[in-house]
Full PDB file with SEQRES, HELIX, SHEET, SSBOND, CRYST1, ORIGX, SCALE, CONECT and MASTER records, all heavy atoms in Angstrom:
SEQRES   1 A   36  VAL ARG TYR ASP GLY ALA ASP ALA ASP CYS VAL HIS TYR          
SEQRES   2 A   36  PRO SER ARG GLY SER CYS VAL LYS ILE VAL ALA THR VAL          
SEQRES   3 A   36  SER ARG THR THR ALA GLU GLY MET CYS GLN                      
HELIX    1 AA1 ALA A    8  HIS A   12  1                                   5    
SSBOND   1 CYS A   10    CYS A   19                          1555   1555  2.15  
CRYST1    1.000    1.000    1.000  90.00  90.00  90.00 P 1           1          
ORIGX1      1.000000  0.000000  0.000000        0.00000                         
ORIGX2      0.000000  1.000000  0.000000        0.00000                         
ORIGX3      0.000000  0.000000  1.000000        0.00000                         
SCALE1      1.000000  0.000000  0.000000        0.00000                         
SCALE2      0.000000  1.000000  0.000000        0.00000                         
SCALE3      0.000000  0.000000  1.000000        0.00000                         
ATOM      1  N   VAL A   1       8.786   2.963  -2.249  1.00  0.00           N  
ATOM      2  CA  VAL A   1       8.399   4.473  -2.311  1.00  0.00           C  
ATOM      3  C   VAL A   1       7.055   4.462  -1.584  1.00  0.00           C  
ATOM      4  O   VAL A   1       6.107   3.875  -1.964  1.00  0.00           O  
ATOM      5  CB  VAL A   1       8.403   4.843  -3.686  1.00  0.00           C  
ATOM      6  CG1 VAL A   1       8.075   6.488  -3.774  1.00  0.00           C  
ATOM      7  CG2 VAL A   1       9.744   4.514  -4.533  1.00  0.00           C  
ATOM      8  N   ARG A   2       7.206   5.274  -0.506  1.00  0.00           N  
ATOM      9  CA  ARG A   2       5.887   5.300   0.452  1.00  0.00           C  
ATOM     10  C   ARG A   2       5.384   6.700   0.395  1.00  0.00           C  
ATOM     11  O   ARG A   2       6.196   7.778   0.508  1.00  0.00           O  
ATOM     12  CB  ARG A   2       6.420   5.074   1.837  1.00  0.00           C  
ATOM     13  CG  ARG A   2       6.941   3.680   2.061  1.00  0.00           C  
ATOM     14  CD  ARG A   2       7.564   3.553   3.432  1.00  0.00           C  
ATOM     15  NE  ARG A   2       8.057   2.123   3.639  1.00  0.00           N  
ATOM     16  CZ  ARG A   2       7.218   1.133   4.008  1.00  0.00           C  
ATOM     17  NH1 ARG A   2       5.996   1.352   4.269  1.00  0.00           N  
ATOM     18  NH2 ARG A   2       7.853  -0.071   4.293  1.00  0.00           N  
ATOM     19  N   TYR A   3       4.142   6.771   0.451  1.00  0.00           N  
ATOM     20  CA  TYR A   3       3.345   8.015   0.592  1.00  0.00           C  
ATOM     21  C   TYR A   3       1.988   7.810   0.900  1.00  0.00           C  
ATOM     22  O   TYR A   3       1.151   6.914   0.423  1.00  0.00           O  
ATOM     23  CB  TYR A   3       3.436   8.782  -0.801  1.00  0.00           C  
ATOM     24  CG  TYR A   3       3.020  10.303  -0.603  1.00  0.00           C  
ATOM     25  CD1 TYR A   3       3.955  11.255   0.018  1.00  0.00           C  
ATOM     26  CD2 TYR A   3       1.740  10.736  -1.012  1.00  0.00           C  
ATOM     27  CE1 TYR A   3       3.607  12.494   0.264  1.00  0.00           C  
ATOM     28  CE2 TYR A   3       1.469  12.085  -0.796  1.00  0.00           C  
ATOM     29  CZ  TYR A   3       2.370  12.992  -0.289  1.00  0.00           C  
ATOM     30  OH  TYR A   3       2.033  14.232   0.081  1.00  0.00           O  
ATOM     31  N   ASP A   4       1.293   8.578   1.746  1.00  0.00           N  
ATOM     32  CA  ASP A   4       0.044   8.678   2.028  1.00  0.00           C  
ATOM     33  C   ASP A   4      -0.404  10.348   2.416  1.00  0.00           C  
ATOM     34  O   ASP A   4      -0.224  10.630   3.432  1.00  0.00           O  
ATOM     35  CB  ASP A   4      -0.250   7.928   3.262  1.00  0.00           C  
ATOM     36  CG  ASP A   4      -1.752   7.689   3.550  1.00  0.00           C  
ATOM     37  OD1 ASP A   4      -2.637   8.505   2.920  1.00  0.00           O  
ATOM     38  OD2 ASP A   4      -2.211   7.007   4.380  1.00  0.00           O  
ATOM     39  N   GLY A   5      -0.806  10.864   1.316  1.00  0.00           N  
ATOM     40  CA  GLY A   5      -1.071  12.300   1.531  1.00  0.00           C  
ATOM     41  C   GLY A   5      -2.218  12.648   2.392  1.00  0.00           C  
ATOM     42  O   GLY A   5      -2.298  13.664   2.916  1.00  0.00           O  
ATOM     43  N   ALA A   6      -3.065  11.709   2.714  1.00  0.00           N  
ATOM     44  CA  ALA A   6      -4.226  11.770   3.682  1.00  0.00           C  
ATOM     45  C   ALA A   6      -3.732  11.790   5.145  1.00  0.00           C  
ATOM     46  O   ALA A   6      -4.463  12.200   5.953  1.00  0.00           O  
ATOM     47  CB  ALA A   6      -5.197  10.816   3.326  1.00  0.00           C  
ATOM     48  N   ASP A   7      -2.502  11.147   5.306  1.00  0.00           N  
ATOM     49  CA  ASP A   7      -2.039  11.112   6.729  1.00  0.00           C  
ATOM     50  C   ASP A   7      -0.909  12.233   6.951  1.00  0.00           C  
ATOM     51  O   ASP A   7       0.192  12.153   6.307  1.00  0.00           O  
ATOM     52  CB  ASP A   7      -1.359   9.673   6.877  1.00  0.00           C  
ATOM     53  CG  ASP A   7      -0.862   9.398   8.237  1.00  0.00           C  
ATOM     54  OD1 ASP A   7      -0.827  10.329   9.034  1.00  0.00           O  
ATOM     55  OD2 ASP A   7      -0.830   8.204   8.538  1.00  0.00           O  
ATOM     56  N   ALA A   8      -1.307  13.117   7.707  1.00  0.00           N  
ATOM     57  CA  ALA A   8      -0.417  14.264   7.995  1.00  0.00           C  
ATOM     58  C   ALA A   8       0.984  13.847   8.652  1.00  0.00           C  
ATOM     59  O   ALA A   8       1.988  14.438   8.409  1.00  0.00           O  
ATOM     60  CB  ALA A   8      -1.016  15.239   9.054  1.00  0.00           C  
ATOM     61  N   ASP A   9       0.872  12.734   9.462  1.00  0.00           N  
ATOM     62  CA  ASP A   9       2.133  12.135   9.964  1.00  0.00           C  
ATOM     63  C   ASP A   9       3.202  11.753   8.864  1.00  0.00           C  
ATOM     64  O   ASP A   9       4.299  11.951   8.899  1.00  0.00           O  
ATOM     65  CB  ASP A   9       1.889  10.982  10.906  1.00  0.00           C  
ATOM     66  CG  ASP A   9       1.210  11.476  12.115  1.00  0.00           C  
ATOM     67  OD1 ASP A   9       1.317  12.605  12.482  1.00  0.00           O  
ATOM     68  OD2 ASP A   9       0.551  10.512  12.751  1.00  0.00           O  
ATOM     69  N   CYS A  10       2.571  11.209   7.648  1.00  0.00           N  
ATOM     70  CA  CYS A  10       3.401  10.747   6.571  1.00  0.00           C  
ATOM     71  C   CYS A  10       4.059  11.981   5.936  1.00  0.00           C  
ATOM     72  O   CYS A  10       5.266  11.917   5.601  1.00  0.00           O  
ATOM     73  CB  CYS A  10       2.626  10.027   5.637  1.00  0.00           C  
ATOM     74  SG  CYS A  10       3.569   9.491   4.138  1.00  0.00           S  
ATOM     75  N   VAL A  11       3.319  13.058   5.778  1.00  0.00           N  
ATOM     76  CA  VAL A  11       3.776  14.284   5.139  1.00  0.00           C  
ATOM     77  C   VAL A  11       4.886  15.020   6.051  1.00  0.00           C  
ATOM     78  O   VAL A  11       5.838  15.443   5.561  1.00  0.00           O  
ATOM     79  CB  VAL A  11       2.645  15.265   4.842  1.00  0.00           C  
ATOM     80  CG1 VAL A  11       3.141  16.562   4.400  1.00  0.00           C  
ATOM     81  CG2 VAL A  11       1.652  14.584   3.857  1.00  0.00           C  
ATOM     82  N   HIS A  12       4.647  14.967   7.410  1.00  0.00           N  
ATOM     83  CA  HIS A  12       5.527  15.827   8.290  1.00  0.00           C  
ATOM     84  C   HIS A  12       6.558  14.913   8.996  1.00  0.00           C  
ATOM     85  O   HIS A  12       7.493  15.478   9.362  1.00  0.00           O  
ATOM     86  CB  HIS A  12       4.665  16.451   9.254  1.00  0.00           C  
ATOM     87  CG  HIS A  12       3.875  17.559   8.696  1.00  0.00           C  
ATOM     88  ND1 HIS A  12       4.310  18.774   8.284  1.00  0.00           N  
ATOM     89  CD2 HIS A  12       2.437  17.518   8.431  1.00  0.00           C  
ATOM     90  CE1 HIS A  12       3.235  19.377   7.630  1.00  0.00           C  
ATOM     91  NE2 HIS A  12       2.201  18.680   7.873  1.00  0.00           N  
ATOM     92  N   TYR A  13       6.401  13.629   8.933  1.00  0.00           N  
ATOM     93  CA  TYR A  13       7.333  12.752   9.622  1.00  0.00           C  
ATOM     94  C   TYR A  13       7.416  11.350   8.854  1.00  0.00           C  
ATOM     95  O   TYR A  13       6.864  10.386   9.203  1.00  0.00           O  
ATOM     96  CB  TYR A  13       7.004  12.461  10.984  1.00  0.00           C  
ATOM     97  CG  TYR A  13       8.027  11.693  11.782  1.00  0.00           C  
ATOM     98  CD1 TYR A  13       9.272  12.321  12.231  1.00  0.00           C  
ATOM     99  CD2 TYR A  13       7.947  10.278  12.011  1.00  0.00           C  
ATOM    100  CE1 TYR A  13      10.279  11.472  12.906  1.00  0.00           C  
ATOM    101  CE2 TYR A  13       9.009   9.552  12.694  1.00  0.00           C  
ATOM    102  CZ  TYR A  13      10.074  10.232  13.078  1.00  0.00           C  
ATOM    103  OH  TYR A  13      11.033   9.586  13.779  1.00  0.00           O  
ATOM    104  N   PRO A  14       8.190  11.373   7.731  1.00  0.00           N  
ATOM    105  CA  PRO A  14       8.303  10.158   7.033  1.00  0.00           C  
ATOM    106  C   PRO A  14       8.628   8.869   7.624  1.00  0.00           C  
ATOM    107  O   PRO A  14       9.637   8.998   8.347  1.00  0.00           O  
ATOM    108  CB  PRO A  14       9.053  10.485   5.769  1.00  0.00           C  
ATOM    109  CG  PRO A  14       9.657  11.688   6.069  1.00  0.00           C  
ATOM    110  CD  PRO A  14       8.908  12.402   7.175  1.00  0.00           C  
ATOM    111  N   SER A  15       7.989   7.783   7.658  1.00  0.00           N  
ATOM    112  CA  SER A  15       8.395   6.595   8.326  1.00  0.00           C  
ATOM    113  C   SER A  15       7.620   5.425   7.769  1.00  0.00           C  
ATOM    114  O   SER A  15       6.666   5.559   7.005  1.00  0.00           O  
ATOM    115  CB  SER A  15       8.126   6.742   9.862  1.00  0.00           C  
ATOM    116  OG  SER A  15       6.663   6.652  10.051  1.00  0.00           O  
ATOM    117  N   ARG A  16       8.061   4.223   8.091  1.00  0.00           N  
ATOM    118  CA  ARG A  16       7.376   3.006   7.748  1.00  0.00           C  
ATOM    119  C   ARG A  16       5.990   2.936   8.335  1.00  0.00           C  
ATOM    120  O   ARG A  16       5.098   2.505   7.736  1.00  0.00           O  
ATOM    121  CB  ARG A  16       8.183   1.807   7.976  1.00  0.00           C  
ATOM    122  CG  ARG A  16       9.437   1.715   7.216  1.00  0.00           C  
ATOM    123  CD  ARG A  16      10.349   0.513   7.541  1.00  0.00           C  
ATOM    124  NE  ARG A  16      10.902   0.827   8.883  1.00  0.00           N  
ATOM    125  CZ  ARG A  16      11.830   0.227   9.512  1.00  0.00           C  
ATOM    126  NH1 ARG A  16      12.297  -0.941   8.953  1.00  0.00           N  
ATOM    127  NH2 ARG A  16      12.229   0.602  10.681  1.00  0.00           N  
ATOM    128  N   GLY A  17       5.948   3.451   9.569  1.00  0.00           N  
ATOM    129  CA  GLY A  17       4.570   3.337  10.264  1.00  0.00           C  
ATOM    130  C   GLY A  17       3.543   4.447   9.889  1.00  0.00           C  
ATOM    131  O   GLY A  17       2.420   4.174   9.875  1.00  0.00           O  
ATOM    132  N   SER A  18       4.022   5.716   9.440  1.00  0.00           N  
ATOM    133  CA  SER A  18       3.044   6.645   9.063  1.00  0.00           C  
ATOM    134  C   SER A  18       2.795   6.658   7.559  1.00  0.00           C  
ATOM    135  O   SER A  18       1.763   7.109   7.210  1.00  0.00           O  
ATOM    136  CB  SER A  18       3.576   8.051   9.549  1.00  0.00           C  
ATOM    137  OG  SER A  18       4.773   8.429   8.839  1.00  0.00           O  
ATOM    138  N   CYS A  19       3.712   6.116   6.868  1.00  0.00           N  
ATOM    139  CA  CYS A  19       3.570   6.083   5.429  1.00  0.00           C  
ATOM    140  C   CYS A  19       3.422   4.610   4.916  1.00  0.00           C  
ATOM    141  O   CYS A  19       4.313   4.083   4.425  1.00  0.00           O  
ATOM    142  CB  CYS A  19       4.739   6.649   4.708  1.00  0.00           C  
ATOM    143  SG  CYS A  19       5.183   8.418   5.062  1.00  0.00           S  
ATOM    144  N   VAL A  20       2.239   4.010   5.365  1.00  0.00           N  
ATOM    145  CA  VAL A  20       2.127   2.601   5.094  1.00  0.00           C  
ATOM    146  C   VAL A  20       1.782   2.209   3.683  1.00  0.00           C  
ATOM    147  O   VAL A  20       2.052   1.136   3.215  1.00  0.00           O  
ATOM    148  CB  VAL A  20       1.082   1.913   6.027  1.00  0.00           C  
ATOM    149  CG1 VAL A  20       1.298   2.076   7.520  1.00  0.00           C  
ATOM    150  CG2 VAL A  20      -0.327   2.705   5.788  1.00  0.00           C  
ATOM    151  N   LYS A  21       1.316   3.164   2.895  1.00  0.00           N  
ATOM    152  CA  LYS A  21       1.038   2.813   1.444  1.00  0.00           C  
ATOM    153  C   LYS A  21       2.300   2.881   0.681  1.00  0.00           C  
ATOM    154  O   LYS A  21       3.062   3.861   0.631  1.00  0.00           O  
ATOM    155  CB  LYS A  21       0.248   3.920   0.855  1.00  0.00           C  
ATOM    156  CG  LYS A  21      -1.198   3.990   1.285  1.00  0.00           C  
ATOM    157  CD  LYS A  21      -2.037   4.957   0.560  1.00  0.00           C  
ATOM    158  CE  LYS A  21      -3.569   5.044   1.148  1.00  0.00           C  
ATOM    159  NZ  LYS A  21      -4.245   6.120   0.459  1.00  0.00           N  
ATOM    160  N   ILE A  22       2.658   1.770   0.000  1.00  0.00           N  
ATOM    161  CA  ILE A  22       3.865   1.772  -0.890  1.00  0.00           C  
ATOM    162  C   ILE A  22       3.234   1.946  -2.205  1.00  0.00           C  
ATOM    163  O   ILE A  22       2.463   1.264  -2.786  1.00  0.00           O  
ATOM    164  CB  ILE A  22       4.354   0.209  -0.871  1.00  0.00           C  
ATOM    165  CG1 ILE A  22       5.087   0.005   0.626  1.00  0.00           C  
ATOM    166  CG2 ILE A  22       5.556   0.054  -1.815  1.00  0.00           C  
ATOM    167  CD1 ILE A  22       5.395  -1.325   0.873  1.00  0.00           C  
ATOM    168  N   VAL A  23       3.575   3.094  -2.757  1.00  0.00           N  
ATOM    169  CA  VAL A  23       3.015   3.517  -3.976  1.00  0.00           C  
ATOM    170  C   VAL A  23       3.917   3.071  -5.274  1.00  0.00           C  
ATOM    171  O   VAL A  23       3.474   3.177  -6.325  1.00  0.00           O  
ATOM    172  CB  VAL A  23       2.931   5.036  -4.079  1.00  0.00           C  
ATOM    173  CG1 VAL A  23       1.874   5.547  -3.125  1.00  0.00           C  
ATOM    174  CG2 VAL A  23       4.264   5.814  -3.815  1.00  0.00           C  
ATOM    175  N   ALA A  24       5.137   2.646  -5.042  1.00  0.00           N  
ATOM    176  CA  ALA A  24       6.052   2.037  -5.985  1.00  0.00           C  
ATOM    177  C   ALA A  24       7.183   1.342  -5.416  1.00  0.00           C  
ATOM    178  O   ALA A  24       7.473   1.474  -4.195  1.00  0.00           O  
ATOM    179  CB  ALA A  24       6.579   3.156  -6.936  1.00  0.00           C  
ATOM    180  N   THR A  25       7.723   0.426  -6.193  1.00  0.00           N  
ATOM    181  CA  THR A  25       9.080  -0.253  -5.836  1.00  0.00           C  
ATOM    182  C   THR A  25       9.886  -0.070  -7.015  1.00  0.00           C  
ATOM    183  O   THR A  25       9.595  -0.282  -8.082  1.00  0.00           O  
ATOM    184  CB  THR A  25       8.683  -1.718  -5.576  1.00  0.00           C  
ATOM    185  OG1 THR A  25       7.662  -1.882  -4.522  1.00  0.00           O  
ATOM    186  CG2 THR A  25       9.954  -2.428  -5.108  1.00  0.00           C  
ATOM    187  N   VAL A  26      11.136   0.614  -6.633  1.00  0.00           N  
ATOM    188  CA  VAL A  26      12.066   0.862  -7.670  1.00  0.00           C  
ATOM    189  C   VAL A  26      13.391   0.212  -7.464  1.00  0.00           C  
ATOM    190  O   VAL A  26      13.755  -0.140  -6.425  1.00  0.00           O  
ATOM    191  CB  VAL A  26      12.267   2.425  -7.835  1.00  0.00           C  
ATOM    192  CG1 VAL A  26      10.954   3.077  -8.229  1.00  0.00           C  
ATOM    193  CG2 VAL A  26      12.780   2.994  -6.428  1.00  0.00           C  
ATOM    194  N   SER A  27      14.117   0.121  -8.639  1.00  0.00           N  
ATOM    195  CA  SER A  27      15.505  -0.421  -8.513  1.00  0.00           C  
ATOM    196  C   SER A  27      16.398   0.311  -9.520  1.00  0.00           C  
ATOM    197  O   SER A  27      16.066   0.628 -10.632  1.00  0.00           O  
ATOM    198  CB  SER A  27      15.452  -1.955  -8.985  1.00  0.00           C  
ATOM    199  OG  SER A  27      14.588  -2.712  -8.237  1.00  0.00           O  
ATOM    200  N   ARG A  28      17.504   0.815  -8.976  1.00  0.00           N  
ATOM    201  CA  ARG A  28      18.572   1.353  -9.725  1.00  0.00           C  
ATOM    202  C   ARG A  28      18.022   2.262 -10.843  1.00  0.00           C  
ATOM    203  O   ARG A  28      18.092   1.975 -11.931  1.00  0.00           O  
ATOM    204  CB  ARG A  28      19.486   0.312 -10.380  1.00  0.00           C  
ATOM    205  CG  ARG A  28      20.077  -0.507  -9.291  1.00  0.00           C  
ATOM    206  CD  ARG A  28      21.059  -1.545 -10.082  1.00  0.00           C  
ATOM    207  NE  ARG A  28      21.765  -2.358  -8.827  1.00  0.00           N  
ATOM    208  CZ  ARG A  28      21.440  -3.577  -8.753  1.00  0.00           C  
ATOM    209  NH1 ARG A  28      20.448  -4.216  -9.553  1.00  0.00           N  
ATOM    210  NH2 ARG A  28      21.975  -4.276  -7.842  1.00  0.00           N  
ATOM    211  N   THR A  29      17.370   3.472 -10.258  1.00  0.00           N  
ATOM    212  CA  THR A  29      16.720   4.406 -11.244  1.00  0.00           C  
ATOM    213  C   THR A  29      16.958   5.790 -10.785  1.00  0.00           C  
ATOM    214  O   THR A  29      17.295   5.975  -9.667  1.00  0.00           O  
ATOM    215  CB  THR A  29      15.208   4.038 -11.312  1.00  0.00           C  
ATOM    216  OG1 THR A  29      14.605   4.814 -12.297  1.00  0.00           O  
ATOM    217  CG2 THR A  29      14.438   4.303 -10.032  1.00  0.00           C  
ATOM    218  N   THR A  30      16.780   6.739 -11.708  1.00  0.00           N  
ATOM    219  CA  THR A  30      16.865   8.061 -11.476  1.00  0.00           C  
ATOM    220  C   THR A  30      15.565   8.634 -11.230  1.00  0.00           C  
ATOM    221  O   THR A  30      14.519   8.273 -11.911  1.00  0.00           O  
ATOM    222  CB  THR A  30      17.559   8.938 -12.574  1.00  0.00           C  
ATOM    223  OG1 THR A  30      18.724   8.102 -12.858  1.00  0.00           O  
ATOM    224  CG2 THR A  30      17.733  10.258 -12.350  1.00  0.00           C  
ATOM    225  N   ALA A  31      15.328   9.696 -10.230  1.00  0.00           N  
ATOM    226  CA  ALA A  31      14.101  10.383 -10.068  1.00  0.00           C  
ATOM    227  C   ALA A  31      14.456  11.764  -9.742  1.00  0.00           C  
ATOM    228  O   ALA A  31      15.582  12.165  -9.586  1.00  0.00           O  
ATOM    229  CB  ALA A  31      13.406   9.605  -8.957  1.00  0.00           C  
ATOM    230  N   GLU A  32      13.442  12.569  -9.513  1.00  0.00           N  
ATOM    231  CA  GLU A  32      13.590  13.984  -9.115  1.00  0.00           C  
ATOM    232  C   GLU A  32      13.474  14.030  -7.529  1.00  0.00           C  
ATOM    233  O   GLU A  32      12.415  13.650  -7.059  1.00  0.00           O  
ATOM    234  CB  GLU A  32      12.431  14.811  -9.757  1.00  0.00           C  
ATOM    235  CG  GLU A  32      12.712  15.106 -11.186  1.00  0.00           C  
ATOM    236  CD  GLU A  32      11.541  15.992 -11.665  1.00  0.00           C  
ATOM    237  OE1 GLU A  32      11.261  17.071 -11.115  1.00  0.00           O  
ATOM    238  OE2 GLU A  32      10.899  15.604 -12.737  1.00  0.00           O  
ATOM    239  N   GLY A  33      14.521  14.547  -6.925  1.00  0.00           N  
ATOM    240  CA  GLY A  33      14.515  14.794  -5.499  1.00  0.00           C  
ATOM    241  C   GLY A  33      13.866  16.077  -5.348  1.00  0.00           C  
ATOM    242  O   GLY A  33      14.489  17.344  -5.570  1.00  0.00           O  
ATOM    243  N   MET A  34      12.614  16.191  -4.735  1.00  0.00           N  
ATOM    244  CA  MET A  34      11.907  17.458  -4.593  1.00  0.00           C  
ATOM    245  C   MET A  34      12.347  18.097  -3.353  1.00  0.00           C  
ATOM    246  O   MET A  34      12.504  19.339  -3.379  1.00  0.00           O  
ATOM    247  CB  MET A  34      10.392  17.214  -4.681  1.00  0.00           C  
ATOM    248  CG  MET A  34       9.948  16.532  -5.908  1.00  0.00           C  
ATOM    249  SD  MET A  34       8.179  16.074  -6.017  1.00  0.00           S  
ATOM    250  CE  MET A  34       7.410  17.456  -5.734  1.00  0.00           C  
ATOM    251  N   CYS A  35      12.477  17.323  -2.233  1.00  0.00           N  
ATOM    252  CA  CYS A  35      12.948  17.920  -0.977  1.00  0.00           C  
ATOM    253  C   CYS A  35      13.355  16.921  -0.099  1.00  0.00           C  
ATOM    254  O   CYS A  35      12.846  15.792  -0.299  1.00  0.00           O  
ATOM    255  CB  CYS A  35      11.928  18.944  -0.476  1.00  0.00           C  
ATOM    256  SG  CYS A  35      10.361  18.292   0.173  1.00  0.00           S  
ATOM    257  N   GLN A  36      13.843  17.169   0.982  1.00  0.00           N  
ATOM    258  CA  GLN A  36      14.318  16.092   2.086  1.00  0.00           C  
ATOM    259  C   GLN A  36      13.893  16.578   3.397  1.00  0.00           C  
ATOM    260  O   GLN A  36      13.879  17.756   3.621  1.00  0.00           O  
ATOM    261  CB  GLN A  36      15.761  15.676   1.858  1.00  0.00           C  
ATOM    262  CG  GLN A  36      16.709  16.715   2.035  1.00  0.00           C  
ATOM    263  CD  GLN A  36      18.050  16.279   1.626  1.00  0.00           C  
ATOM    264  OE1 GLN A  36      18.402  15.131   1.761  1.00  0.00           O  
ATOM    265  NE2 GLN A  36      19.007  17.237   1.132  1.00  0.00           N  
TER     266      GLN A  36                                                      
CONECT   74  143                                                                
CONECT  143   74                                                                
MASTER        0    0    0    1    0    0    0    6  265    1    2    3          
END                                                                             
């Protein structure tokens, strides 16, 4: 699960390159899908 709120590229174009911070690693779980 990747996110870097300080990087506008991560917010506007999610990718492995722009969202380099891995904030969690999940397996077979339920979460809230806020938007896509």
